Protein backbone atom coordinates (compact mmCIF):
# COMPACT_ATOMS: atom_id res chain seq x y z
CA UNK A 1 17.63 24.04 4.54
CA UNK A 2 17.56 23.44 0.94
CA UNK A 3 18.44 19.80 0.05
CA UNK A 4 18.80 18.72 -3.71
CA UNK A 5 17.51 15.30 -3.82
CA UNK A 6 18.84 12.93 -6.86
CA UNK A 7 16.23 10.09 -7.56
CA UNK A 8 15.69 7.24 -10.01
CA UNK A 9 11.75 7.43 -10.01
CA UNK A 10 9.00 9.35 -9.23
CA UNK A 11 7.63 6.82 -6.44
CA UNK A 12 10.76 7.93 -4.26
CA UNK A 13 9.80 11.70 -4.98
CA UNK A 14 6.18 11.07 -3.95
CA UNK A 15 6.95 8.99 -0.90
CA UNK A 16 9.69 11.75 0.25
CA UNK A 17 7.67 14.48 -0.27
CA UNK A 18 4.80 13.17 2.30
CA UNK A 19 7.72 11.91 4.59
CA UNK A 20 9.27 15.23 4.96
CA UNK A 21 6.18 17.00 5.57
CA UNK A 22 5.28 14.56 8.48
CA UNK A 23 8.99 13.87 9.80
CA UNK A 24 10.84 16.96 9.34
CA UNK A 25 10.45 20.43 10.36
CA UNK A 26 9.68 23.19 7.61
CA UNK A 27 13.04 24.26 7.82
CA UNK A 28 13.99 21.59 5.31
CA UNK A 29 13.18 22.00 1.50
CA UNK A 30 13.74 19.27 -0.77
CA UNK A 31 14.36 20.07 -4.43
CA UNK A 32 13.93 16.81 -6.66
CA UNK A 33 15.69 15.93 -9.68
CA UNK A 34 14.59 12.73 -11.02
CA UNK A 35 17.09 11.21 -13.35
CA UNK A 36 14.73 8.37 -14.41
CA UNK A 37 17.40 5.83 -14.24
CA UNK A 38 18.91 3.44 -11.81
CA UNK A 39 22.32 3.84 -13.66
CA UNK A 40 25.08 4.98 -11.18
CA UNK A 41 27.51 6.34 -13.54
CA UNK A 42 24.38 8.77 -14.61
CA UNK A 43 24.08 9.86 -10.80
CA UNK A 44 28.20 10.16 -10.76
CA UNK A 45 27.94 12.81 -13.79
CA UNK A 46 25.12 14.62 -11.88
CA UNK A 47 27.16 14.67 -8.98
CA UNK A 48 30.02 16.02 -10.65
CA UNK A 49 28.13 19.06 -11.46
CA UNK A 50 27.98 20.19 -7.69
CA UNK A 51 31.77 19.30 -7.15
CA UNK A 52 33.05 21.98 -4.71
CA UNK A 53 29.67 23.48 -3.74
CA UNK A 54 27.97 24.13 -0.80
CA UNK A 55 24.64 22.50 -1.92
CA UNK A 56 23.41 19.57 0.42
CA UNK A 57 22.87 16.64 -2.13
CA UNK A 58 21.21 13.33 -1.29
CA UNK A 59 20.84 10.44 -3.52
CA UNK A 60 18.17 7.78 -3.16
CA UNK A 61 18.77 5.05 -5.52
CA UNK A 62 18.27 1.29 -5.49
CA UNK A 63 21.04 -1.54 -5.60
CA UNK A 64 19.47 -3.95 -7.79
CA UNK A 65 22.02 -3.17 -10.47
CA UNK A 66 25.17 -3.77 -8.60
CA UNK A 67 24.08 -6.95 -7.00
CA UNK A 68 25.53 -9.32 -9.49
CA UNK A 69 27.47 -6.91 -11.90
CA UNK A 70 30.92 -6.03 -11.54
CA UNK A 71 30.87 -2.94 -14.04
CA UNK A 72 28.08 -1.76 -11.83
CA UNK A 73 29.76 -2.22 -8.45
CA UNK A 74 32.61 -0.15 -9.78
CA UNK A 75 30.17 2.70 -11.09
CA UNK A 76 28.47 2.44 -7.54
CA UNK A 77 32.30 3.03 -5.88
CA UNK A 78 32.60 5.81 -8.13
CA UNK A 79 29.06 7.32 -7.28
CA UNK A 80 29.90 6.99 -3.53
CA UNK A 81 33.40 8.51 -3.83
CA UNK A 82 31.82 11.46 -5.86
CA UNK A 83 29.71 12.57 -3.51
CA UNK A 84 32.40 13.16 -0.82
CA UNK A 85 33.82 15.56 -3.21
CA UNK A 86 31.01 17.97 -3.00
CA UNK A 87 30.91 18.50 0.76
CA UNK A 88 30.78 16.56 4.09
CA UNK A 89 26.84 17.38 4.46
CA UNK A 90 25.71 15.30 1.46
CA UNK A 91 24.64 11.67 1.75
CA UNK A 92 23.65 8.52 -0.17
CA UNK A 93 20.62 6.28 0.79
CA UNK A 94 20.82 2.96 -0.98
CA UNK A 95 18.10 0.35 -1.04
CA UNK A 96 18.43 -3.66 -1.92
CA UNK A 97 16.84 -4.66 -3.90
CA UNK A 98 14.56 -1.79 -4.65
CA UNK A 99 12.41 0.98 -3.27
CA UNK A 100 9.54 -1.41 -2.51
CA UNK A 101 11.90 -3.26 -0.15
CA UNK A 102 11.69 -0.08 1.74
CA UNK A 103 8.14 0.68 1.45
CA UNK A 104 7.29 -3.30 2.56
CA UNK A 105 9.36 -2.51 5.62
CA UNK A 106 6.66 0.06 7.15
CA UNK A 107 4.47 -2.89 7.86
CA UNK A 108 5.06 -4.84 11.08
CA UNK A 109 5.89 -8.12 9.49
CA UNK A 110 7.61 -6.56 6.63
CA UNK A 111 4.99 -8.35 4.44
CA UNK A 112 5.54 -7.66 0.47
CA UNK A 113 3.56 -4.18 -0.08
CA UNK A 114 2.15 -5.77 -3.24
CA UNK A 115 0.39 -8.68 -1.59
CA UNK A 116 -0.55 -6.81 1.61
CA UNK A 117 -2.18 -3.90 -0.54
CA UNK A 118 -3.45 -6.28 -3.31
CA UNK A 119 -2.07 -4.28 -6.02
CA UNK A 120 0.21 -5.02 -8.96
CA UNK A 121 3.75 -3.61 -8.73
CA UNK A 122 3.09 -1.48 -11.61
CA UNK A 123 0.43 0.36 -9.76
CA UNK A 124 3.03 1.62 -7.10
CA UNK A 125 5.47 3.15 -9.62
CA UNK A 126 4.33 6.52 -10.13
CA UNK A 127 1.77 6.48 -7.33
CA UNK A 128 1.15 9.85 -5.89
CA UNK A 129 -0.60 8.43 -3.02
CA UNK A 130 1.85 5.68 -1.94
CA UNK A 131 2.81 7.18 1.37
CA UNK A 132 -0.91 7.70 2.44
CA UNK A 133 -1.76 4.51 1.01
CA UNK A 134 0.82 3.01 3.50
CA UNK A 135 -0.33 4.90 6.44
CA UNK A 136 -4.10 4.24 5.98
CA UNK A 137 -3.00 0.31 5.69
CA UNK A 138 -1.47 0.48 9.02
CA UNK A 139 2.09 0.98 7.90
CA UNK A 140 4.67 3.33 9.87
CA UNK A 141 8.21 4.50 9.01
CA UNK A 142 8.76 3.28 12.80
CA UNK A 143 8.50 -0.13 11.49
CA UNK A 144 11.24 0.34 8.82
CA UNK A 145 13.64 1.12 11.85
CA UNK A 146 12.56 -2.19 13.40
CA UNK A 147 12.54 -4.29 10.11
CA UNK A 148 15.53 -3.09 8.40
CA UNK A 149 18.98 -3.39 10.09
CA UNK A 150 21.78 -0.75 10.25
CA UNK A 151 24.28 -3.55 10.46
CA UNK A 152 22.96 -4.71 6.74
CA UNK A 153 23.72 -1.32 5.18
CA UNK A 154 26.55 -1.54 2.81
CA UNK A 155 26.81 2.65 2.55
CA UNK A 156 26.63 4.06 6.15
CA UNK A 157 26.75 7.85 6.87
CA UNK A 158 25.50 9.43 9.99
CA UNK A 159 27.47 12.36 10.90
CA UNK A 160 30.32 14.46 8.90
CA UNK A 161 32.86 12.02 8.66
CA UNK A 162 33.62 9.94 5.89
CA UNK A 163 31.10 7.14 4.88
CA UNK A 164 31.73 3.66 4.82
CA UNK A 165 31.14 1.57 1.85
CA UNK A 166 31.04 -2.07 2.15
CA UNK A 167 30.58 -4.03 -1.15
CA UNK A 168 30.13 -7.24 0.49
CA UNK A 169 26.83 -6.03 1.88
CA UNK A 170 25.19 -5.18 -1.36
CA UNK A 171 23.03 -8.10 -1.41
CA UNK A 172 21.65 -7.79 2.15
CA UNK A 173 18.13 -6.55 2.43
CA UNK A 174 18.51 -3.11 3.47
CA UNK A 175 17.53 0.50 2.85
CA UNK A 176 19.77 3.63 3.93
CA UNK A 177 16.37 5.39 4.17
CA UNK A 178 15.93 4.05 7.76
CA UNK A 179 18.46 6.92 8.79
CA UNK A 180 17.24 9.85 6.81
CA UNK A 181 15.13 11.43 9.40
CA UNK A 182 18.28 10.79 12.11
CA UNK A 183 20.58 12.37 9.71
CA UNK A 184 18.39 15.45 8.80
CA UNK A 185 18.30 15.99 12.35
CA UNK A 186 22.00 15.59 12.39
CA UNK A 187 22.49 18.03 9.93
CA UNK A 188 19.93 20.68 11.85
CA UNK A 189 21.70 20.24 15.12
CA UNK A 190 25.23 20.34 13.74
CA UNK A 191 24.96 22.97 10.84
CA UNK A 192 27.67 25.43 12.46
CA UNK A 193 29.83 22.55 13.28
CA UNK A 194 30.16 20.82 9.88
């Protein structure tokens, strides 16, 4: 099952490569496209290229730009709408404030990853070994399911039905990535039904 994953940075790619190998079967093949921006309008433009196709597309992007910017909130709404035009298998995984929030949630007390690992934030960016470093220091994906709440998600899709987008939840601490494994398993189990 090939999935195109649109990303805003390399850290996300490095993490998701290792995550896939650990938590998903070999049936899943991720093709990463790094847009090198968190600009929602750029993601929307890229999504338009897939309109009407059978490709499965995932978007992994931060919510920091939409927190206090009305224009970016509108761009976020458009991006979330554009993904529904591709097909009902596609999904968006948003994180507030940023990807480091999700990485920090791997630790039992959801401590700041930079403080916990005693590294500078710039050393997390483009770190090919970020997943292994988290695991080596006692972090687990399972902790993200405890530390981040589904109720806080501003964008929520766990089946083939239309997703919900609640703009009022943008500033809540969250990451849709807590649903990544569950959603991939849903796709695998229901492939012929959706």
